[in-house]
């Protein structure tokens, strides 16, 4: 049971990292498509940014609570698993900082 939870968490983290990497690598194309849609739909740019920030905050809170549950739970974890998770989390934080600076 413990291995299933660990495997699920690592798999979820890996999928999230791949999605984040894809978004980071293709951000110019995504931004261009968003601008095209804004032009076609006449969307307020500030409202769109506020909604995106809100969704990012909700996602960040969800990820943080999941990590806290995992790290502060009663399950036994190996130091290697925790180190790998913390390394991945650090990478994701740096990517988010880079995206926020853009």
PDB file of N, CA and C in Angstrom:
ATOM      1  N   UNK A   1       0.822  -1.181   0.000  1.00  0.00           N
ATOM      2  CA  UNK A   1       0.000   0.000   0.000  1.00  0.00           C
ATOM      3  C   UNK A   1       0.873   1.254   0.000  1.00  0.00           C
ATOM      4  N   UNK A   2       1.940   1.244   0.825  1.00  0.00           N
ATOM      5  CA  UNK A   2       2.843   2.386   0.904  1.00  0.00           C
ATOM      6  C   UNK A   2       3.546   2.610  -0.424  1.00  0.00           C
ATOM      7  N   UNK A   3       3.933   1.529  -1.097  1.00  0.00           N
ATOM      8  CA  UNK A   3       4.606   1.653  -2.385  1.00  0.00           C
ATOM      9  C   UNK A   3       3.660   2.229  -3.431  1.00  0.00           C
ATOM     10  N   UNK A   4       2.366   1.875  -3.362  1.00  0.00           N
ATOM     11  CA  UNK A   4       1.393   2.415  -4.310  1.00  0.00           C
ATOM     12  C   UNK A   4       1.247   3.915  -4.131  1.00  0.00           C
ATOM     13  N   UNK A   5       1.188   4.373  -2.876  1.00  0.00           N
ATOM     14  CA  UNK A   5       1.072   5.809  -2.623  1.00  0.00           C
ATOM     15  C   UNK A   5       2.315   6.545  -3.102  1.00  0.00           C
ATOM     16  N   UNK A   6       3.462   6.001  -2.822  1.00  0.00           N
ATOM     17  CA  UNK A   6       4.717   6.621  -3.243  1.00  0.00           C
ATOM     18  C   UNK A   6       4.804   6.654  -4.764  1.00  0.00           C
ATOM     19  N   UNK A   7       4.454   5.551  -5.402  1.00  0.00           N
ATOM     20  CA  UNK A   7       4.486   5.494  -6.853  1.00  0.00           C
ATOM     21  C   UNK A   7       3.507   6.489  -7.462  1.00  0.00           C
ATOM     22  N   UNK A   8       2.315   6.589  -6.902  1.00  0.00           N
ATOM     23  CA  UNK A   8       1.318   7.547  -7.394  1.00  0.00           C
ATOM     24  C   UNK A   8       1.823   8.969  -7.241  1.00  0.00           C
ATOM     25  N   UNK A   9       2.422   9.278  -6.111  1.00  0.00           N
ATOM     26  CA  UNK A   9       2.919  10.631  -5.888  1.00  0.00           C
ATOM     27  C   UNK A   9       4.058  10.956  -6.855  1.00  0.00           C
ATOM     28  N   UNK A  10       4.983  10.034  -7.031  1.00  0.00           N
ATOM     29  CA  UNK A  10       6.108  10.267  -7.938  1.00  0.00           C
ATOM     30  C   UNK A  10       5.613  10.379  -9.374  1.00  0.00           C
ATOM     31  N   UNK A  11       4.657   9.544  -9.758  1.00  0.00           N
ATOM     32  CA  UNK A  11       4.098   9.612 -11.102  1.00  0.00           C
ATOM     33  C   UNK A  11       3.386  10.944 -11.320  1.00  0.00           C
ATOM     34  N   UNK A  12       2.620  11.392 -10.335  1.00  0.00           N
ATOM     35  CA  UNK A  12       1.950  12.690 -10.429  1.00  0.00           C
ATOM     36  C   UNK A  12       2.940  13.832 -10.533  1.00  0.00           C
ATOM     37  N   UNK A  13       4.010  13.757  -9.764  1.00  0.00           N
ATOM     38  CA  UNK A  13       5.056  14.778  -9.817  1.00  0.00           C
ATOM     39  C   UNK A  13       5.728  14.783 -11.181  1.00  0.00           C
ATOM     40  N   UNK A  14       5.994  13.611 -11.710  1.00  0.00           N
ATOM     41  CA  UNK A  14       6.636  13.517 -13.025  1.00  0.00           C
ATOM     42  C   UNK A  14       5.734  14.083 -14.114  1.00  0.00           C
ATOM     43  N   UNK A  15       4.447  13.771 -14.066  1.00  0.00           N
ATOM     44  CA  UNK A  15       3.515  14.300 -15.065  1.00  0.00           C
ATOM     45  C   UNK A  15       3.427  15.811 -14.956  1.00  0.00           C
ATOM     46  N   UNK A  16       3.372  16.321 -13.733  1.00  0.00           N
ATOM     47  CA  UNK A  16       3.352  17.766 -13.538  1.00  0.00           C
ATOM     48  C   UNK A  16       4.611  18.429 -14.042  1.00  0.00           C
ATOM     49  N   UNK A  17       5.745  17.791 -13.823  1.00  0.00           N
ATOM     50  CA  UNK A  17       7.014  18.354 -14.291  1.00  0.00           C
ATOM     51  C   UNK A  17       7.074  18.364 -15.815  1.00  0.00           C
ATOM     52  N   UNK A  18       6.591  17.302 -16.435  1.00  0.00           N
ATOM     53  CA  UNK A  18       6.576  17.244 -17.902  1.00  0.00           C
ATOM     54  C   UNK A  18       5.648  18.327 -18.452  1.00  0.00           C
ATOM     55  N   UNK A  19       4.481  18.498 -17.833  1.00  0.00           N
ATOM     56  CA  UNK A  19       3.554  19.537 -18.282  1.00  0.00           C
ATOM     57  C   UNK A  19       4.170  20.924 -18.103  1.00  0.00           C
ATOM     58  N   UNK A  20       4.821  21.150 -16.973  1.00  0.00           N
ATOM     59  CA  UNK A  20       5.497  22.426 -16.739  1.00  0.00           C
ATOM     60  C   UNK A  20       6.614  22.665 -17.736  1.00  0.00           C
ATOM     61  N   UNK A  21       7.377  21.629 -18.034  1.00  0.00           N
ATOM     62  CA  UNK A  21       8.463  21.740 -19.009  1.00  0.00           C
ATOM     63  C   UNK A  21       7.896  22.065 -20.394  1.00  0.00           C
ATOM     64  N   UNK A  22       6.822  21.393 -20.790  1.00  0.00           N
ATOM     65  CA  UNK A  22       6.196  21.656 -22.087  1.00  0.00           C
ATOM     66  C   UNK A  22       5.713  23.098 -22.158  1.00  0.00           C
ATOM     67  N   UNK A  23       5.048  23.552 -21.110  1.00  0.00           N
ATOM     68  CA  UNK A  23       4.564  24.933 -21.083  1.00  0.00           C
ATOM     69  C   UNK A  23       5.720  25.917 -21.155  1.00  0.00           C
ATOM     70  N   UNK A  24       6.794  25.628 -20.441  1.00  0.00           N
ATOM     71  CA  UNK A  24       7.959  26.513 -20.446  1.00  0.00           C
ATOM     72  C   UNK A  24       8.595  26.570 -21.832  1.00  0.00           C
ATOM     73  N   UNK A  25       8.750  25.426 -22.481  1.00  0.00           N
ATOM     74  CA  UNK A  25       9.403  25.374 -23.784  1.00  0.00           C
ATOM     75  C   UNK A  25       8.542  25.984 -24.890  1.00  0.00           C
ATOM     76  N   UNK A  26       7.225  25.890 -24.764  1.00  0.00           N
ATOM     77  CA  UNK A  26       6.329  26.365 -25.813  1.00  0.00           C
ATOM     78  C   UNK A  26       5.564  27.616 -25.401  1.00  0.00           C
ATOM     79  N   UNK A  27       6.102  28.358 -24.457  1.00  0.00           N
ATOM     80  CA  UNK A  27       5.376  29.508 -23.936  1.00  0.00           C
ATOM     81  C   UNK A  27       5.150  30.583 -24.999  1.00  0.00           C
ATOM     82  N   UNK A  28       6.091  30.772 -25.920  1.00  0.00           N
ATOM     83  CA  UNK A  28       5.914  31.786 -26.962  1.00  0.00           C
ATOM     84  C   UNK A  28       4.733  31.439 -27.868  1.00  0.00           C
ATOM     85  N   UNK A  29       4.641  30.183 -28.265  1.00  0.00           N
ATOM     86  CA  UNK A  29       3.525  29.749 -29.099  1.00  0.00           C
ATOM     87  C   UNK A  29       2.206  29.903 -28.352  1.00  0.00           C
ATOM     88  N   UNK A  30       2.205  29.542 -27.077  1.00  0.00           N
ATOM     89  CA  UNK A  30       0.989  29.635 -26.272  1.00  0.00           C
ATOM     90  C   UNK A  30       0.568  31.089 -26.119  1.00  0.00           C
ATOM     91  N   UNK A  31       1.531  31.966 -25.856  1.00  0.00           N
ATOM     92  CA  UNK A  31       1.227  33.390 -25.704  1.00  0.00           C
ATOM     93  C   UNK A  31       0.688  33.953 -27.011  1.00  0.00           C
ATOM     94  N   UNK A  32       1.283  33.566 -28.133  1.00  0.00           N
ATOM     95  CA  UNK A  32       0.794  34.031 -29.435  1.00  0.00           C
ATOM     96  C   UNK A  32      -0.649  33.596 -29.675  1.00  0.00           C
ATOM     97  N   UNK A  33      -0.952  32.360 -29.345  1.00  0.00           N
ATOM     98  CA  UNK A  33      -2.326  31.868 -29.521  1.00  0.00           C
ATOM     99  C   UNK A  33      -3.293  32.604 -28.590  1.00  0.00           C
ATOM    100  N   UNK A  34      -2.844  32.891 -27.366  1.00  0.00           N
ATOM    101  CA  UNK A  34      -3.692  33.623 -26.430  1.00  0.00           C
ATOM    102  C   UNK A  34      -3.966  35.024 -26.955  1.00  0.00           C
ATOM    103  N   UNK A  35      -2.931  35.683 -27.483  1.00  0.00           N
ATOM    104  CA  UNK A  35      -3.127  37.022 -28.054  1.00  0.00           C
ATOM    105  C   UNK A  35      -4.080  36.977 -29.244  1.00  0.00           C
ATOM    106  N   UNK A  36      -3.949  35.938 -30.047  1.00  0.00           N
ATOM    107  CA  UNK A  36      -4.856  35.779 -31.184  1.00  0.00           C
ATOM    108  C   UNK A  36      -6.297  35.611 -30.703  1.00  0.00           C
ATOM    109  N   UNK A  37      -6.478  34.785 -29.680  1.00  0.00           N
ATOM    110  CA  UNK A  37      -7.818  34.593 -29.122  1.00  0.00           C
ATOM    111  C   UNK A  37      -8.355  35.877 -28.495  1.00  0.00           C
ATOM    112  N   UNK A  38      -7.477  36.617 -27.811  1.00  0.00           N
ATOM    113  CA  UNK A  38      -7.907  37.886 -27.219  1.00  0.00           C
ATOM    114  C   UNK A  38      -8.416  38.831 -28.298  1.00  0.00           C
ATOM    115  N   UNK A  39      -7.699  38.876 -29.411  1.00  0.00           N
ATOM    116  CA  UNK A  39      -8.123  39.744 -30.506  1.00  0.00           C
ATOM    117  C   UNK A  39      -9.457  39.314 -31.079  1.00  0.00           C
ATOM    118  N   UNK A  40      -9.648  38.015 -31.207  1.00  0.00           N
ATOM    119  CA  UNK A  40     -10.899  37.496 -31.769  1.00  0.00           C
ATOM    120  C   UNK A  40     -12.062  37.631 -30.798  1.00  0.00           C
ATOM    121  N   UNK A  41     -11.794  37.469 -29.519  1.00  0.00           N
ATOM    122  CA  UNK A  41     -12.870  37.469 -28.530  1.00  0.00           C
ATOM    123  C   UNK A  41     -12.997  38.779 -27.761  1.00  0.00           C
ATOM    124  N   UNK A  42     -12.057  39.704 -27.988  1.00  0.00           N
ATOM    125  CA  UNK A  42     -12.072  41.006 -27.309  1.00  0.00           C
ATOM    126  C   UNK A  42     -12.074  40.827 -25.783  1.00  0.00           C
ATOM    127  N   UNK A  43     -11.114  40.043 -25.297  1.00  0.00           N
ATOM    128  CA  UNK A  43     -10.987  39.761 -23.867  1.00  0.00           C
ATOM    129  C   UNK A  43     -10.126  40.837 -23.213  1.00  0.00           C
ATOM    130  N   UNK A  44     -10.536  41.273 -22.025  1.00  0.00           N
ATOM    131  CA  UNK A  44      -9.754  42.241 -21.260  1.00  0.00           C
ATOM    132  C   UNK A  44      -8.473  41.556 -20.777  1.00  0.00           C
ATOM    133  N   UNK A  45      -7.334  42.112 -21.158  1.00  0.00           N
ATOM    134  CA  UNK A  45      -6.035  41.506 -20.853  1.00  0.00           C
ATOM    135  C   UNK A  45      -5.802  41.415 -19.342  1.00  0.00           C
ATOM    136  N   UNK A  46      -6.137  42.444 -18.599  1.00  0.00           N
ATOM    137  CA  UNK A  46      -5.924  42.430 -17.150  1.00  0.00           C
ATOM    138  C   UNK A  46      -6.801  41.393 -16.458  1.00  0.00           C
ATOM    139  N   UNK A  47      -8.026  41.243 -16.926  1.00  0.00           N
ATOM    140  CA  UNK A  47      -8.907  40.229 -16.336  1.00  0.00           C
ATOM    141  C   UNK A  47      -8.353  38.835 -16.593  1.00  0.00           C
ATOM    142  N   UNK A  48      -7.819  38.627 -17.780  1.00  0.00           N
ATOM    143  CA  UNK A  48      -7.231  37.333 -18.108  1.00  0.00           C
ATOM    144  C   UNK A  48      -6.031  37.035 -17.212  1.00  0.00           C
ATOM    145  N   UNK A  49      -5.186  38.033 -17.004  1.00  0.00           N
ATOM    146  CA  UNK A  49      -4.013  37.857 -16.140  1.00  0.00           C
ATOM    147  C   UNK A  49      -4.448  37.571 -14.705  1.00  0.00           C
ATOM    148  N   UNK A  50      -5.451  38.296 -14.215  1.00  0.00           N
ATOM    149  CA  UNK A  50      -5.931  38.071 -12.851  1.00  0.00           C
ATOM    150  C   UNK A  50      -6.486  36.658 -12.685  1.00  0.00           C
ATOM    151  N   UNK A  51      -7.218  36.177 -13.673  1.00  0.00           N
ATOM    152  CA  UNK A  51      -7.758  34.816 -13.598  1.00  0.00           C
ATOM    153  C   UNK A  51      -6.629  33.788 -13.620  1.00  0.00           C
ATOM    154  N   UNK A  52      -5.626  34.021 -14.470  1.00  0.00           N
ATOM    155  CA  UNK A  52      -4.492  33.093 -14.546  1.00  0.00           C
ATOM    156  C   UNK A  52      -3.728  33.068 -13.230  1.00  0.00           C
ATOM    157  N   UNK A  53      -3.531  34.250 -12.624  1.00  0.00           N
ATOM    158  CA  UNK A  53      -2.831  34.303 -11.335  1.00  0.00           C
ATOM    159  C   UNK A  53      -3.634  33.576 -10.258  1.00  0.00           C
ATOM    160  N   UNK A  54      -4.945  33.749 -10.282  1.00  0.00           N
ATOM    161  CA  UNK A  54      -5.797  33.059  -9.310  1.00  0.00           C
ATOM    162  C   UNK A  54      -5.698  31.554  -9.447  1.00  0.00           C
ATOM    163  N   UNK A  55      -5.720  31.078 -10.685  1.00  0.00           N
ATOM    164  CA  UNK A  55      -5.613  29.637 -10.909  1.00  0.00           C
ATOM    165  C   UNK A  55      -4.238  29.115 -10.528  1.00  0.00           C
ATOM    166  N   UNK A  56      -3.185  29.902 -10.802  1.00  0.00           N
ATOM    167  CA  UNK A  56      -1.839  29.503 -10.400  1.00  0.00           C
ATOM    168  C   UNK A  56      -1.722  29.441  -8.882  1.00  0.00           C
ATOM    169  N   UNK A  57      -2.309  30.418  -8.195  1.00  0.00           N
ATOM    170  CA  UNK A  57      -2.287  30.408  -6.731  1.00  0.00           C
ATOM    171  C   UNK A  57      -3.009  29.188  -6.175  1.00  0.00           C
ATOM    172  N   UNK A  58      -4.172  28.864  -6.765  1.00  0.00           N
ATOM    173  CA  UNK A  58      -4.918  27.684  -6.313  1.00  0.00           C
ATOM    174  C   UNK A  58      -4.120  26.407  -6.553  1.00  0.00           C
ATOM    175  N   UNK A  59      -3.474  26.320  -7.703  1.00  0.00           N
ATOM    176  CA  UNK A  59      -2.657  25.150  -8.008  1.00  0.00           C
ATOM    177  C   UNK A  59      -1.471  25.053  -7.063  1.00  0.00           C
ATOM    178  N   UNK A  60      -0.819  26.178  -6.803  1.00  0.00           N
ATOM    179  CA  UNK A  60       0.321  26.200  -5.888  1.00  0.00           C
ATOM    180  C   UNK A  60      -0.103  25.759  -4.491  1.00  0.00           C
ATOM    181  N   UNK A  61      -1.234  26.260  -4.031  1.00  0.00           N
ATOM    182  CA  UNK A  61      -1.739  25.878  -2.699  1.00  0.00           C
ATOM    183  C   UNK A  61      -2.032  24.384  -2.641  1.00  0.00           C
ATOM    184  N   UNK A  62      -2.614  23.856  -3.713  1.00  0.00           N
ATOM    185  CA  UNK A  62      -2.925  22.432  -3.762  1.00  0.00           C
ATOM    186  C   UNK A  62      -1.655  21.584  -3.721  1.00  0.00           C
ATOM    187  N   UNK A  63      -0.653  21.991  -4.488  1.00  0.00           N
ATOM    188  CA  UNK A  63       0.614  21.256  -4.505  1.00  0.00           C
ATOM    189  C   UNK A  63       1.289  21.322  -3.141  1.00  0.00           C
ATOM    190  N   UNK A  64       1.286  22.505  -2.526  1.00  0.00           N
ATOM    191  CA  UNK A  64       1.909  22.647  -1.213  1.00  0.00           C
ATOM    192  C   UNK A  64       1.206  21.787  -0.165  1.00  0.00           C
ATOM    193  N   UNK A  65      -0.125  21.762  -0.184  1.00  0.00           N
ATOM    194  CA  UNK A  65      -0.839  20.958   0.811  1.00  0.00           C
ATOM    195  C   UNK A  65      -0.588  19.472   0.590  1.00  0.00           C
ATOM    196  N   UNK A  66      -0.491  19.055  -0.670  1.00  0.00           N
ATOM    197  CA  UNK A  66      -0.204  17.650  -0.962  1.00  0.00           C
ATOM    198  C   UNK A  66       1.191  17.274  -0.470  1.00  0.00           C
ATOM    199  N   UNK A  67       2.151  18.145  -0.712  1.00  0.00           N
ATOM    200  CA  UNK A  67       3.520  17.875  -0.265  1.00  0.00           C
ATOM    201  C   UNK A  67       3.588  17.853   1.256  1.00  0.00           C
ATOM    202  N   UNK A  68       2.898  18.779   1.908  1.00  0.00           N
ATOM    203  CA  UNK A  68       2.894  18.792   3.374  1.00  0.00           C
ATOM    204  C   UNK A  68       2.261  17.525   3.927  1.00  0.00           C
ATOM    205  N   UNK A  69       1.164  17.082   3.321  1.00  0.00           N
ATOM    206  CA  UNK A  69       0.524  15.849   3.765  1.00  0.00           C
ATOM    207  C   UNK A  69       1.481  14.677   3.601  1.00  0.00           C
ATOM    208  N   UNK A  70       2.197  14.670   2.487  1.00  0.00           N
ATOM    209  CA  UNK A  70       3.111  13.566   2.212  1.00  0.00           C
ATOM    210  C   UNK A  70       4.318  13.606   3.143  1.00  0.00           C
ATOM    211  N   UNK A  71       4.872  14.793   3.359  1.00  0.00           N
ATOM    212  CA  UNK A  71       6.081  14.870   4.171  1.00  0.00           C
ATOM    213  C   UNK A  71       5.791  14.791   5.662  1.00  0.00           C
ATOM    214  N   UNK A  72       4.595  15.191   6.082  1.00  0.00           N
ATOM    215  CA  UNK A  72       4.272  15.171   7.507  1.00  0.00           C
ATOM    216  C   UNK A  72       3.349  14.014   7.874  1.00  0.00           C
ATOM    217  N   UNK A  73       3.080  13.118   6.930  1.00  0.00           N
ATOM    218  CA  UNK A  73       2.220  11.970   7.188  1.00  0.00           C
ATOM    219  C   UNK A  73       2.934  10.924   8.016  1.00  0.00           C
ATOM    220  N   UNK A  74       2.195   9.876   8.338  1.00  0.00           N
ATOM    221  CA  UNK A  74       2.756   8.825   9.183  1.00  0.00           C
ATOM    222  C   UNK A  74       3.468   7.738   8.382  1.00  0.00           C
ATOM    223  N   UNK A  75       3.453   7.862   7.051  1.00  0.00           N
ATOM    224  CA  UNK A  75       4.105   6.852   6.234  1.00  0.00           C
ATOM    225  C   UNK A  75       5.630   6.988   6.325  1.00  0.00           C
ATOM    226  N   UNK A  76       6.318   5.855   6.243  1.00  0.00           N
ATOM    227  CA  UNK A  76       7.778   5.883   6.235  1.00  0.00           C
ATOM    228  C   UNK A  76       8.265   6.220   4.834  1.00  0.00           C
ATOM    229  N   UNK A  77       9.202   7.160   4.768  1.00  0.00           N
ATOM    230  CA  UNK A  77       9.750   7.568   3.483  1.00  0.00           C
ATOM    231  C   UNK A  77      11.264   7.438   3.529  1.00  0.00           C
ATOM    232  N   UNK A  78      11.834   7.061   2.426  1.00  0.00           N
ATOM    233  CA  UNK A  78      13.289   6.970   2.393  1.00  0.00           C
ATOM    234  C   UNK A  78      13.858   8.362   2.156  1.00  0.00           C
ATOM    235  N   UNK A  79      15.054   8.623   2.647  1.00  0.00           N
ATOM    236  CA  UNK A  79      15.688   9.930   2.417  1.00  0.00           C
ATOM    237  C   UNK A  79      15.878  10.237   0.937  1.00  0.00           C
ATOM    238  N   UNK A  80      16.093   9.204   0.131  1.00  0.00           N
ATOM    239  CA  UNK A  80      16.266   9.417  -1.313  1.00  0.00           C
ATOM    240  C   UNK A  80      14.980   9.927  -1.948  1.00  0.00           C
ATOM    241  N   UNK A  81      13.828   9.387  -1.529  1.00  0.00           N
ATOM    242  CA  UNK A  81      12.548   9.837  -2.072  1.00  0.00           C
ATOM    243  C   UNK A  81      12.302  11.302  -1.721  1.00  0.00           C
ATOM    244  N   UNK A  82      12.547  11.653  -0.486  1.00  0.00           N
ATOM    245  CA  UNK A  82      12.330  13.029  -0.044  1.00  0.00           C
ATOM    246  C   UNK A  82      13.299  13.965  -0.756  1.00  0.00           C
ATOM    247  N   UNK A  83      14.538  13.576  -0.905  1.00  0.00           N
ATOM    248  CA  UNK A  83      15.523  14.415  -1.595  1.00  0.00           C
ATOM    249  C   UNK A  83      15.128  14.623  -3.054  1.00  0.00           C
ATOM    250  N   UNK A  84      14.654  13.576  -3.707  1.00  0.00           N
ATOM    251  CA  UNK A  84      14.225  13.692  -5.106  1.00  0.00           C
ATOM    252  C   UNK A  84      13.039  14.629  -5.234  1.00  0.00           C
ATOM    253  N   UNK A  85      12.101  14.528  -4.313  1.00  0.00           N
ATOM    254  CA  UNK A  85      10.921  15.399  -4.334  1.00  0.00           C
ATOM    255  C   UNK A  85      11.331  16.843  -4.098  1.00  0.00           C
ATOM    256  N   UNK A  86      12.197  17.077  -3.142  1.00  0.00           N
ATOM    257  CA  UNK A  86      12.631  18.443  -2.844  1.00  0.00           C
ATOM    258  C   UNK A  86      13.417  19.040  -4.007  1.00  0.00           C
ATOM    259  N   UNK A  87      14.226  18.228  -4.690  1.00  0.00           N
ATOM    260  CA  UNK A  87      14.964  18.700  -5.859  1.00  0.00           C
ATOM    261  C   UNK A  87      14.006  19.105  -6.964  1.00  0.00           C
ATOM    262  N   UNK A  88      13.012  18.266  -7.217  1.00  0.00           N
ATOM    263  CA  UNK A  88      12.015  18.579  -8.254  1.00  0.00           C
ATOM    264  C   UNK A  88      11.227  19.826  -7.885  1.00  0.00           C
ATOM    265  N   UNK A  89      10.875  19.973  -6.634  1.00  0.00           N
ATOM    266  CA  UNK A  89      10.145  21.152  -6.176  1.00  0.00           C
ATOM    267  C   UNK A  89      10.984  22.411  -6.356  1.00  0.00           C
ATOM    268  N   UNK A  90      12.263  22.327  -6.082  1.00  0.00           N
ATOM    269  CA  UNK A  90      13.155  23.474  -6.276  1.00  0.00           C
ATOM    270  C   UNK A  90      13.215  23.874  -7.747  1.00  0.00           C
ATOM    271  N   UNK A  91      13.294  22.890  -8.630  1.00  0.00           N
ATOM    272  CA  UNK A  91      13.316  23.165 -10.066  1.00  0.00           C
ATOM    273  C   UNK A  91      12.023  23.857 -10.492  1.00  0.00           C
ATOM    274  N   UNK A  92      10.897  23.353 -10.003  1.00  0.00           N
ATOM    275  CA  UNK A  92       9.608  23.949 -10.363  1.00  0.00           C
ATOM    276  C   UNK A  92       9.495  25.379  -9.843  1.00  0.00           C
ATOM    277  N   UNK A  93      10.006  25.622  -8.643  1.00  0.00           N
ATOM    278  CA  UNK A  93       9.977  26.983  -8.099  1.00  0.00           C
ATOM    279  C   UNK A  93      10.789  27.933  -8.973  1.00  0.00           C
ATOM    280  N   UNK A  94      11.956  27.491  -9.412  1.00  0.00           N
ATOM    281  CA  UNK A  94      12.794  28.328 -10.278  1.00  0.00           C
ATOM    282  C   UNK A  94      12.099  28.622 -11.600  1.00  0.00           C
ATOM    283  N   UNK A  95      11.426  27.625 -12.162  1.00  0.00           N
ATOM    284  CA  UNK A  95      10.707  27.838 -13.415  1.00  0.00           C
ATOM    285  C   UNK A  95       9.564  28.835 -13.223  1.00  0.00           C
ATOM    286  N   UNK A  96       8.848  28.729 -12.111  1.00  0.00           N
ATOM    287  CA  UNK A  96       7.761  29.666 -11.838  1.00  0.00           C
ATOM    288  C   UNK A  96       8.309  31.064 -11.664  1.00  0.00           C
ATOM    289  N   UNK A  97       9.438  31.212 -10.964  1.00  0.00           N
ATOM    290  CA  UNK A  97      10.055  32.534 -10.804  1.00  0.00           C
ATOM    291  C   UNK A  97      10.452  33.108 -12.155  1.00  0.00           C
ATOM    292  N   UNK A  98      11.001  32.269 -13.018  1.00  0.00           N
ATOM    293  CA  UNK A  98      11.406  32.734 -14.345  1.00  0.00           C
ATOM    294  C   UNK A  98      10.188  33.172 -15.162  1.00  0.00           C
ATOM    295  N   UNK A  99       9.088  32.418 -15.045  1.00  0.00           N
ATOM    296  CA  UNK A  99       7.882  32.790 -15.773  1.00  0.00           C
ATOM    297  C   UNK A  99       7.265  34.061 -15.217  1.00  0.00           C
ATOM    298  N   UNK A 100       7.320  34.250 -13.912  1.00  0.00           N
ATOM    299  CA  UNK A 100       6.773  35.460 -13.308  1.00  0.00           C
ATOM    300  C   UNK A 100       7.587  36.683 -13.691  1.00  0.00           C
ATOM    301  N   UNK A 101       8.887  36.509 -13.862  1.00  0.00           N
ATOM    302  CA  UNK A 101       9.750  37.635 -14.225  1.00  0.00           C
ATOM    303  C   UNK A 101       9.531  38.063 -15.667  1.00  0.00           C
ATOM    304  N   UNK A 102       9.039  37.163 -16.498  1.00  0.00           N
ATOM    305  CA  UNK A 102       8.825  37.482 -17.922  1.00  0.00           C
ATOM    306  C   UNK A 102       7.670  38.412 -18.139  1.00  0.00           C
TER     307      UNK A 102
END
